Amino acid sequence: MVFIKLRRKRSYWSYDFKTNNMKEKFVILTLLISITVTVYSQNKGYDYIEKFKHKNNGWAKVFKSDKVGFITKDGEEVVTPIYDYIGRFGAYKKGWALVLLEGKMGFIDSSGEEVVKPKYDDVGKFRRGRAKIYLENKQGLIDEYGEEVVGF
């Protein structure tokens, strides 16, 4: 038998439950986290929340008015939903994810900060600490810190 007690505190919910079955605990915790994120998302007005994924830094993608961002399992917004697309962390460079904003590409890092502003038409994967960048039919290079080392 499972007993669940929900308590509303100022701006969050707390959960108390008693069971000795680990499977029940896992199912209940998963359900309660889902409920928490759903309640939080309704307060923020998100249209949709994806599952929390390891490849996305353990964050969940959130969508609002056709824009995408990220939240943590605690519901904290780490990337405001302003981007048209956010790729998988590590696909181009370890700890970075590709972002697309109004047709331009850039990168965010694993803290959610924009490390390369979305201003390029295309970007390549990092090799030997550098990546090709393309802007208005011209080609250049950025280094592993996001700085242009061969400009236009």
N, C-alpha and C. Protein backbone atom coordinates (compact mmCIF):
# COMPACT_ATOMS: atom_id res chain seq x y z
N MET A 1 0.84 -1.17 0.00
CA MET A 1 0.00 0.00 0.00
C MET A 1 0.89 1.24 0.00
N VAL A 2 0.48 2.25 -0.73
CA VAL A 2 1.25 3.48 -0.86
C VAL A 2 0.43 4.64 -0.31
N PHE A 3 1.07 5.45 0.52
CA PHE A 3 0.43 6.64 1.04
C PHE A 3 1.20 7.85 0.51
N ILE A 4 0.47 8.77 -0.07
CA ILE A 4 1.09 9.99 -0.60
C ILE A 4 0.39 11.17 0.04
N LYS A 5 1.18 12.09 0.53
CA LYS A 5 0.63 13.30 1.12
C LYS A 5 1.24 14.49 0.37
N LEU A 6 0.40 15.30 -0.23
CA LEU A 6 0.85 16.48 -0.96
C LEU A 6 0.64 17.70 -0.08
N ARG A 7 1.67 18.51 -0.01
CA ARG A 7 1.58 19.74 0.78
C ARG A 7 1.98 20.90 -0.10
N ARG A 8 1.20 21.95 -0.10
CA ARG A 8 1.52 23.15 -0.85
C ARG A 8 2.26 24.10 0.07
N LYS A 9 3.48 24.45 -0.31
CA LYS A 9 4.25 25.45 0.43
C LYS A 9 4.43 26.64 -0.50
N ARG A 10 4.64 27.75 0.03
CA ARG A 10 4.74 29.02 -0.69
C ARG A 10 4.74 28.88 -2.22
N SER A 11 5.86 28.51 -2.83
CA SER A 11 5.89 28.46 -4.29
C SER A 11 6.29 27.09 -4.82
N TYR A 12 6.14 26.07 -4.01
CA TYR A 12 6.48 24.73 -4.48
C TYR A 12 5.63 23.69 -3.76
N TRP A 13 5.63 22.48 -4.31
CA TRP A 13 4.93 21.35 -3.71
C TRP A 13 5.94 20.45 -3.04
N SER A 14 5.58 19.85 -1.94
CA SER A 14 6.43 18.82 -1.35
C SER A 14 5.62 17.54 -1.29
N TYR A 15 6.32 16.42 -1.35
CA TYR A 15 5.67 15.12 -1.40
C TYR A 15 6.22 14.23 -0.28
N ASP A 16 5.34 13.59 0.44
CA ASP A 16 5.72 12.58 1.43
C ASP A 16 5.02 11.29 1.04
N PHE A 17 5.75 10.21 0.92
CA PHE A 17 5.11 8.93 0.68
C PHE A 17 5.88 7.84 1.39
N LYS A 18 5.16 6.79 1.74
CA LYS A 18 5.77 5.68 2.48
C LYS A 18 5.49 4.39 1.73
N THR A 19 6.54 3.71 1.35
CA THR A 19 6.44 2.39 0.75
C THR A 19 7.79 1.72 0.88
N ASN A 20 7.82 0.42 0.97
CA ASN A 20 9.08 -0.31 1.04
C ASN A 20 9.48 -0.89 -0.31
N ASN A 21 8.61 -0.81 -1.29
CA ASN A 21 8.86 -1.37 -2.59
C ASN A 21 9.61 -0.35 -3.46
N MET A 22 10.82 -0.70 -3.90
CA MET A 22 11.65 0.23 -4.68
C MET A 22 11.01 0.55 -6.04
N LYS A 23 10.35 -0.43 -6.64
CA LYS A 23 9.69 -0.21 -7.93
C LYS A 23 8.58 0.83 -7.77
N GLU A 24 7.81 0.71 -6.71
CA GLU A 24 6.75 1.69 -6.44
C GLU A 24 7.34 3.07 -6.22
N LYS A 25 8.43 3.15 -5.45
CA LYS A 25 9.08 4.44 -5.20
C LYS A 25 9.52 5.08 -6.51
N PHE A 26 10.13 4.29 -7.40
CA PHE A 26 10.59 4.82 -8.68
C PHE A 26 9.43 5.34 -9.51
N VAL A 27 8.36 4.56 -9.60
CA VAL A 27 7.19 4.97 -10.39
C VAL A 27 6.58 6.24 -9.80
N ILE A 28 6.46 6.28 -8.49
CA ILE A 28 5.86 7.45 -7.83
C ILE A 28 6.73 8.69 -8.03
N LEU A 29 8.04 8.56 -7.85
CA LEU A 29 8.93 9.71 -8.04
C LEU A 29 8.88 10.21 -9.47
N THR A 30 8.89 9.29 -10.43
CA THR A 30 8.81 9.69 -11.84
C THR A 30 7.52 10.44 -12.10
N LEU A 31 6.42 9.93 -11.58
CA LEU A 31 5.13 10.56 -11.75
C LEU A 31 5.10 11.95 -11.09
N LEU A 32 5.63 12.05 -9.88
CA LEU A 32 5.62 13.32 -9.17
C LEU A 32 6.51 14.36 -9.84
N ILE A 33 7.66 13.95 -10.35
CA ILE A 33 8.52 14.88 -11.08
C ILE A 33 7.80 15.37 -12.32
N SER A 34 7.14 14.46 -13.02
CA SER A 34 6.37 14.83 -14.21
C SER A 34 5.28 15.84 -13.88
N ILE A 35 4.57 15.60 -12.76
CA ILE A 35 3.51 16.52 -12.34
C ILE A 35 4.11 17.88 -11.99
N THR A 36 5.23 17.88 -11.28
CA THR A 36 5.88 19.13 -10.90
C THR A 36 6.27 19.94 -12.12
N VAL A 37 6.91 19.29 -13.09
CA VAL A 37 7.35 19.98 -14.30
C VAL A 37 6.14 20.48 -15.07
N THR A 38 5.07 19.69 -15.13
CA THR A 38 3.87 20.11 -15.85
C THR A 38 3.24 21.32 -15.19
N VAL A 39 3.13 21.30 -13.86
CA VAL A 39 2.57 22.44 -13.13
C VAL A 39 3.45 23.67 -13.35
N TYR A 40 4.76 23.48 -13.25
CA TYR A 40 5.68 24.60 -13.45
C TYR A 40 5.56 25.14 -14.87
N SER A 41 5.47 24.24 -15.84
CA SER A 41 5.41 24.69 -17.23
C SER A 41 4.13 25.46 -17.50
N GLN A 42 3.05 25.09 -16.83
CA GLN A 42 1.81 25.82 -17.03
C GLN A 42 1.95 27.24 -16.49
N ASN A 43 2.69 27.39 -15.41
CA ASN A 43 2.93 28.72 -14.87
C ASN A 43 3.78 29.56 -15.81
N LYS A 44 4.73 28.92 -16.51
CA LYS A 44 5.60 29.63 -17.45
C LYS A 44 4.97 29.76 -18.83
N GLY A 45 3.91 29.01 -19.08
CA GLY A 45 3.23 29.11 -20.36
C GLY A 45 3.90 28.35 -21.50
N TYR A 46 4.65 27.27 -21.19
CA TYR A 46 5.27 26.49 -22.25
C TYR A 46 4.21 25.73 -23.03
N ASP A 47 4.42 25.59 -24.32
CA ASP A 47 3.51 24.83 -25.17
C ASP A 47 3.78 23.33 -25.05
N TYR A 48 5.04 22.98 -24.87
CA TYR A 48 5.42 21.57 -24.83
C TYR A 48 6.74 21.40 -24.10
N ILE A 49 6.90 20.29 -23.39
CA ILE A 49 8.16 19.97 -22.72
C ILE A 49 8.58 18.57 -23.13
N GLU A 50 9.80 18.44 -23.64
CA GLU A 50 10.33 17.12 -23.98
C GLU A 50 10.83 16.43 -22.72
N LYS A 51 11.21 15.17 -22.86
CA LYS A 51 11.77 14.42 -21.74
C LYS A 51 13.14 14.98 -21.38
N PHE A 52 13.52 14.78 -20.12
CA PHE A 52 14.87 15.14 -19.69
C PHE A 52 15.83 14.12 -20.29
N LYS A 53 16.89 14.61 -20.94
CA LYS A 53 17.81 13.72 -21.64
C LYS A 53 19.24 13.99 -21.23
N HIS A 54 19.99 12.89 -21.06
CA HIS A 54 21.41 13.00 -20.72
C HIS A 54 22.17 13.77 -21.80
N LYS A 55 21.86 13.51 -23.07
CA LYS A 55 22.59 14.18 -24.15
C LYS A 55 22.30 15.68 -24.23
N ASN A 56 21.27 16.12 -23.53
CA ASN A 56 20.97 17.55 -23.45
C ASN A 56 21.36 18.11 -22.09
N ASN A 57 22.47 17.59 -21.54
CA ASN A 57 22.97 18.10 -20.27
C ASN A 57 22.06 17.74 -19.10
N GLY A 58 21.17 16.76 -19.32
CA GLY A 58 20.21 16.40 -18.28
C GLY A 58 19.03 17.35 -18.22
N TRP A 59 18.94 18.26 -19.17
CA TRP A 59 17.86 19.25 -19.21
C TRP A 59 16.75 18.76 -20.14
N ALA A 60 15.61 19.42 -20.08
CA ALA A 60 14.50 19.14 -20.99
C ALA A 60 14.31 20.35 -21.90
N LYS A 61 14.09 20.06 -23.18
CA LYS A 61 13.76 21.16 -24.11
C LYS A 61 12.34 21.61 -23.84
N VAL A 62 12.15 22.93 -23.86
CA VAL A 62 10.82 23.51 -23.71
C VAL A 62 10.52 24.34 -24.95
N PHE A 63 9.25 24.32 -25.34
CA PHE A 63 8.83 25.05 -26.53
C PHE A 63 7.75 26.06 -26.15
N LYS A 64 7.91 27.27 -26.67
CA LYS A 64 6.95 28.33 -26.41
C LYS A 64 6.87 29.20 -27.66
N SER A 65 5.71 29.27 -28.25
CA SER A 65 5.50 30.07 -29.47
C SER A 65 6.52 29.73 -30.55
N ASP A 66 6.70 28.44 -30.81
CA ASP A 66 7.62 27.93 -31.84
C ASP A 66 9.09 28.26 -31.57
N LYS A 67 9.44 28.58 -30.36
CA LYS A 67 10.83 28.81 -29.96
C LYS A 67 11.22 27.75 -28.95
N VAL A 68 12.51 27.46 -28.82
CA VAL A 68 12.97 26.39 -27.95
C VAL A 68 14.00 26.90 -26.95
N GLY A 69 13.98 26.31 -25.75
CA GLY A 69 14.95 26.61 -24.70
C GLY A 69 15.13 25.36 -23.85
N PHE A 70 15.69 25.51 -22.65
CA PHE A 70 15.90 24.38 -21.75
C PHE A 70 15.50 24.73 -20.32
N ILE A 71 15.01 23.70 -19.59
CA ILE A 71 14.80 23.82 -18.16
C ILE A 71 15.50 22.66 -17.46
N THR A 72 15.81 22.85 -16.17
CA THR A 72 16.38 21.78 -15.36
C THR A 72 15.25 20.95 -14.76
N LYS A 73 15.62 19.88 -14.09
CA LYS A 73 14.61 19.04 -13.43
C LYS A 73 13.90 19.79 -12.31
N ASP A 74 14.53 20.83 -11.80
CA ASP A 74 13.91 21.67 -10.77
C ASP A 74 12.96 22.70 -11.37
N GLY A 75 12.88 22.75 -12.70
CA GLY A 75 12.01 23.71 -13.36
C GLY A 75 12.68 25.04 -13.63
N GLU A 76 13.97 25.15 -13.31
CA GLU A 76 14.69 26.41 -13.55
C GLU A 76 14.98 26.56 -15.04
N GLU A 77 14.67 27.70 -15.57
CA GLU A 77 14.91 27.98 -16.99
C GLU A 77 16.38 28.36 -17.16
N VAL A 78 17.16 27.49 -17.85
CA VAL A 78 18.58 27.77 -18.05
C VAL A 78 18.85 28.36 -19.42
N VAL A 79 17.99 28.09 -20.38
CA VAL A 79 18.06 28.73 -21.70
C VAL A 79 16.65 29.20 -22.04
N THR A 80 16.48 30.49 -22.11
CA THR A 80 15.18 31.07 -22.43
C THR A 80 14.76 30.62 -23.83
N PRO A 81 13.50 30.26 -24.03
CA PRO A 81 13.07 29.80 -25.36
C PRO A 81 12.99 30.94 -26.38
N ILE A 82 14.17 31.23 -26.97
CA ILE A 82 14.25 32.28 -28.00
C ILE A 82 14.77 31.72 -29.32
N TYR A 83 15.28 30.49 -29.30
CA TYR A 83 15.91 29.91 -30.48
C TYR A 83 14.91 29.14 -31.34
N ASP A 84 15.18 29.09 -32.64
CA ASP A 84 14.37 28.31 -33.56
C ASP A 84 14.72 26.82 -33.47
N TYR A 85 15.96 26.54 -33.10
CA TYR A 85 16.44 25.16 -33.00
C TYR A 85 17.63 25.13 -32.04
N ILE A 86 17.73 24.05 -31.26
CA ILE A 86 18.93 23.80 -30.45
C ILE A 86 19.32 22.35 -30.69
N GLY A 87 20.57 22.15 -31.09
CA GLY A 87 21.06 20.80 -31.36
C GLY A 87 21.50 20.09 -30.10
N ARG A 88 22.07 18.91 -30.30
CA ARG A 88 22.54 18.08 -29.20
C ARG A 88 23.90 18.57 -28.72
N PHE A 89 24.10 18.58 -27.41
CA PHE A 89 25.40 18.97 -26.86
C PHE A 89 26.45 17.95 -27.31
N GLY A 90 27.59 18.45 -27.75
CA GLY A 90 28.70 17.60 -28.15
C GLY A 90 28.70 17.21 -29.62
N ALA A 91 27.68 17.55 -30.37
CA ALA A 91 27.63 17.16 -31.79
C ALA A 91 28.69 17.90 -32.60
N TYR A 92 29.01 19.13 -32.24
CA TYR A 92 30.01 19.91 -32.95
C TYR A 92 31.28 20.06 -32.13
N LYS A 93 31.11 20.27 -30.82
CA LYS A 93 32.22 20.43 -29.89
C LYS A 93 31.74 20.00 -28.52
N LYS A 94 32.60 19.32 -27.76
CA LYS A 94 32.22 18.84 -26.43
C LYS A 94 31.75 20.01 -25.56
N GLY A 95 30.55 19.85 -24.98
CA GLY A 95 30.02 20.87 -24.09
C GLY A 95 29.29 22.01 -24.77
N TRP A 96 29.24 21.99 -26.10
CA TRP A 96 28.54 23.04 -26.85
C TRP A 96 27.40 22.45 -27.64
N ALA A 97 26.35 23.25 -27.84
CA ALA A 97 25.22 22.86 -28.68
C ALA A 97 24.98 23.94 -29.73
N LEU A 98 24.69 23.50 -30.93
CA LEU A 98 24.38 24.41 -32.03
C LEU A 98 23.03 25.06 -31.78
N VAL A 99 22.93 26.36 -32.04
CA VAL A 99 21.64 27.06 -31.96
C VAL A 99 21.37 27.75 -33.29
N LEU A 100 20.11 27.86 -33.62
CA LEU A 100 19.68 28.53 -34.84
C LEU A 100 18.69 29.60 -34.45
N LEU A 101 18.95 30.82 -34.90
CA LEU A 101 18.09 31.95 -34.59
C LEU A 101 17.92 32.79 -35.85
N GLU A 102 16.70 32.86 -36.34
CA GLU A 102 16.38 33.63 -37.55
C GLU A 102 17.31 33.28 -38.70
N GLY A 103 17.57 31.99 -38.89
CA GLY A 103 18.38 31.51 -40.00
C GLY A 103 19.88 31.60 -39.80
N LYS A 104 20.33 32.06 -38.66
CA LYS A 104 21.76 32.19 -38.38
C LYS A 104 22.18 31.20 -37.29
N MET A 105 23.41 30.71 -37.38
CA MET A 105 23.91 29.68 -36.46
C MET A 105 24.92 30.24 -35.48
N GLY A 106 24.91 29.65 -34.28
CA GLY A 106 25.87 29.97 -33.23
C GLY A 106 25.91 28.80 -32.26
N PHE A 107 26.46 29.03 -31.05
CA PHE A 107 26.59 27.96 -30.07
C PHE A 107 26.26 28.46 -28.67
N ILE A 108 25.70 27.54 -27.85
CA ILE A 108 25.59 27.76 -26.41
C ILE A 108 26.47 26.72 -25.73
N ASP A 109 26.90 27.01 -24.49
CA ASP A 109 27.72 26.04 -23.77
C ASP A 109 26.88 25.29 -22.74
N SER A 110 27.53 24.42 -21.99
CA SER A 110 26.81 23.55 -21.05
C SER A 110 26.24 24.28 -19.84
N SER A 111 26.53 25.58 -19.72
CA SER A 111 25.88 26.36 -18.66
C SER A 111 24.68 27.13 -19.21
N GLY A 112 24.46 27.02 -20.52
CA GLY A 112 23.35 27.71 -21.16
C GLY A 112 23.70 29.07 -21.71
N GLU A 113 24.96 29.47 -21.56
CA GLU A 113 25.40 30.78 -22.05
C GLU A 113 25.72 30.72 -23.55
N GLU A 114 25.42 31.80 -24.23
CA GLU A 114 25.74 31.90 -25.65
C GLU A 114 27.23 32.20 -25.79
N VAL A 115 27.99 31.26 -26.39
CA VAL A 115 29.43 31.45 -26.54
C VAL A 115 29.79 31.93 -27.94
N VAL A 116 28.96 31.64 -28.91
CA VAL A 116 29.12 32.17 -30.26
C VAL A 116 27.75 32.68 -30.69
N LYS A 117 27.65 33.99 -30.85
CA LYS A 117 26.36 34.58 -31.23
C LYS A 117 25.90 34.01 -32.56
N PRO A 118 24.60 33.75 -32.72
CA PRO A 118 24.08 33.23 -33.98
C PRO A 118 24.15 34.30 -35.07
N LYS A 119 25.24 34.24 -35.84
CA LYS A 119 25.41 35.22 -36.92
C LYS A 119 25.94 34.59 -38.21
N TYR A 120 26.22 33.28 -38.17
CA TYR A 120 26.81 32.61 -39.33
C TYR A 120 25.75 31.87 -40.14
N ASP A 121 25.97 31.80 -41.45
CA ASP A 121 25.07 31.07 -42.34
C ASP A 121 25.22 29.57 -42.17
N ASP A 122 26.43 29.12 -41.86
CA ASP A 122 26.70 27.70 -41.64
C ASP A 122 27.96 27.58 -40.79
N VAL A 123 28.07 26.47 -40.08
CA VAL A 123 29.27 26.18 -39.29
C VAL A 123 29.62 24.71 -39.47
N GLY A 124 30.90 24.41 -39.37
CA GLY A 124 31.36 23.03 -39.45
C GLY A 124 31.68 22.49 -38.07
N LYS A 125 31.97 21.19 -38.02
CA LYS A 125 32.36 20.58 -36.75
C LYS A 125 33.80 21.00 -36.41
N PHE A 126 34.09 20.98 -35.13
CA PHE A 126 35.43 21.35 -34.67
C PHE A 126 36.40 20.21 -34.93
N ARG A 127 37.54 20.57 -35.53
CA ARG A 127 38.64 19.63 -35.75
C ARG A 127 39.92 20.37 -35.38
N ARG A 128 40.71 19.72 -34.53
CA ARG A 128 41.96 20.33 -34.05
C ARG A 128 41.74 21.72 -33.45
N GLY A 129 40.63 21.86 -32.73
CA GLY A 129 40.36 23.11 -32.03
C GLY A 129 39.81 24.24 -32.87
N ARG A 130 39.45 23.98 -34.13
CA ARG A 130 38.91 25.03 -35.00
C ARG A 130 37.74 24.50 -35.81
N ALA A 131 36.86 25.42 -36.19
CA ALA A 131 35.70 25.05 -37.01
C ALA A 131 35.54 26.06 -38.13
N LYS A 132 35.12 25.56 -39.29
CA LYS A 132 34.84 26.45 -40.41
C LYS A 132 33.53 27.19 -40.15
N ILE A 133 33.52 28.46 -40.55
CA ILE A 133 32.31 29.27 -40.47
C ILE A 133 32.06 29.90 -41.83
N TYR A 134 30.81 30.10 -42.15
CA TYR A 134 30.44 30.66 -43.45
C TYR A 134 29.50 31.83 -43.23
N LEU A 135 29.79 32.92 -43.92
CA LEU A 135 28.96 34.11 -43.83
C LEU A 135 28.98 34.82 -45.17
N GLU A 136 27.82 34.95 -45.77
CA GLU A 136 27.66 35.65 -47.06
C GLU A 136 28.65 35.16 -48.10
N ASN A 137 28.70 33.85 -48.32
CA ASN A 137 29.57 33.19 -49.30
C ASN A 137 31.06 33.37 -49.04
N LYS A 138 31.42 33.73 -47.82
CA LYS A 138 32.82 33.82 -47.42
C LYS A 138 33.05 32.79 -46.33
N GLN A 139 34.30 32.36 -46.20
CA GLN A 139 34.65 31.31 -45.25
C GLN A 139 35.69 31.82 -44.27
N GLY A 140 35.60 31.39 -43.03
CA GLY A 140 36.57 31.74 -42.00
C GLY A 140 36.70 30.59 -41.01
N LEU A 141 37.39 30.86 -39.89
CA LEU A 141 37.57 29.86 -38.85
C LEU A 141 37.33 30.49 -37.48
N ILE A 142 36.74 29.69 -36.57
CA ILE A 142 36.67 30.10 -35.17
C ILE A 142 37.46 29.08 -34.35
N ASP A 143 37.98 29.54 -33.23
CA ASP A 143 38.73 28.62 -32.36
C ASP A 143 37.81 28.02 -31.31
N GLU A 144 38.40 27.24 -30.41
CA GLU A 144 37.60 26.53 -29.40
C GLU A 144 37.00 27.44 -28.35
N TYR A 145 37.31 28.73 -28.41
CA TYR A 145 36.72 29.72 -27.49
C TYR A 145 35.64 30.55 -28.18
N GLY A 146 35.42 30.28 -29.47
CA GLY A 146 34.41 31.01 -30.23
C GLY A 146 34.91 32.28 -30.89
N GLU A 147 36.22 32.50 -30.82
CA GLU A 147 36.80 33.71 -31.43
C GLU A 147 37.16 33.44 -32.89
N GLU A 148 36.93 34.43 -33.75
CA GLU A 148 37.33 34.30 -35.15
C GLU A 148 38.86 34.38 -35.24
N VAL A 149 39.48 33.36 -35.80
CA VAL A 149 40.93 33.37 -35.96
C VAL A 149 41.32 33.65 -37.40
N VAL A 150 40.46 33.32 -38.33
CA VAL A 150 40.61 33.71 -39.73
C VAL A 150 39.29 34.36 -40.10
N GLY A 151 39.32 35.68 -40.22
CA GLY A 151 38.10 36.43 -40.46
C GLY A 151 37.71 36.50 -41.92
N PHE A 152 36.78 37.39 -42.18
CA PHE A 152 36.22 37.52 -43.53
C PHE A 152 36.81 38.71 -44.25
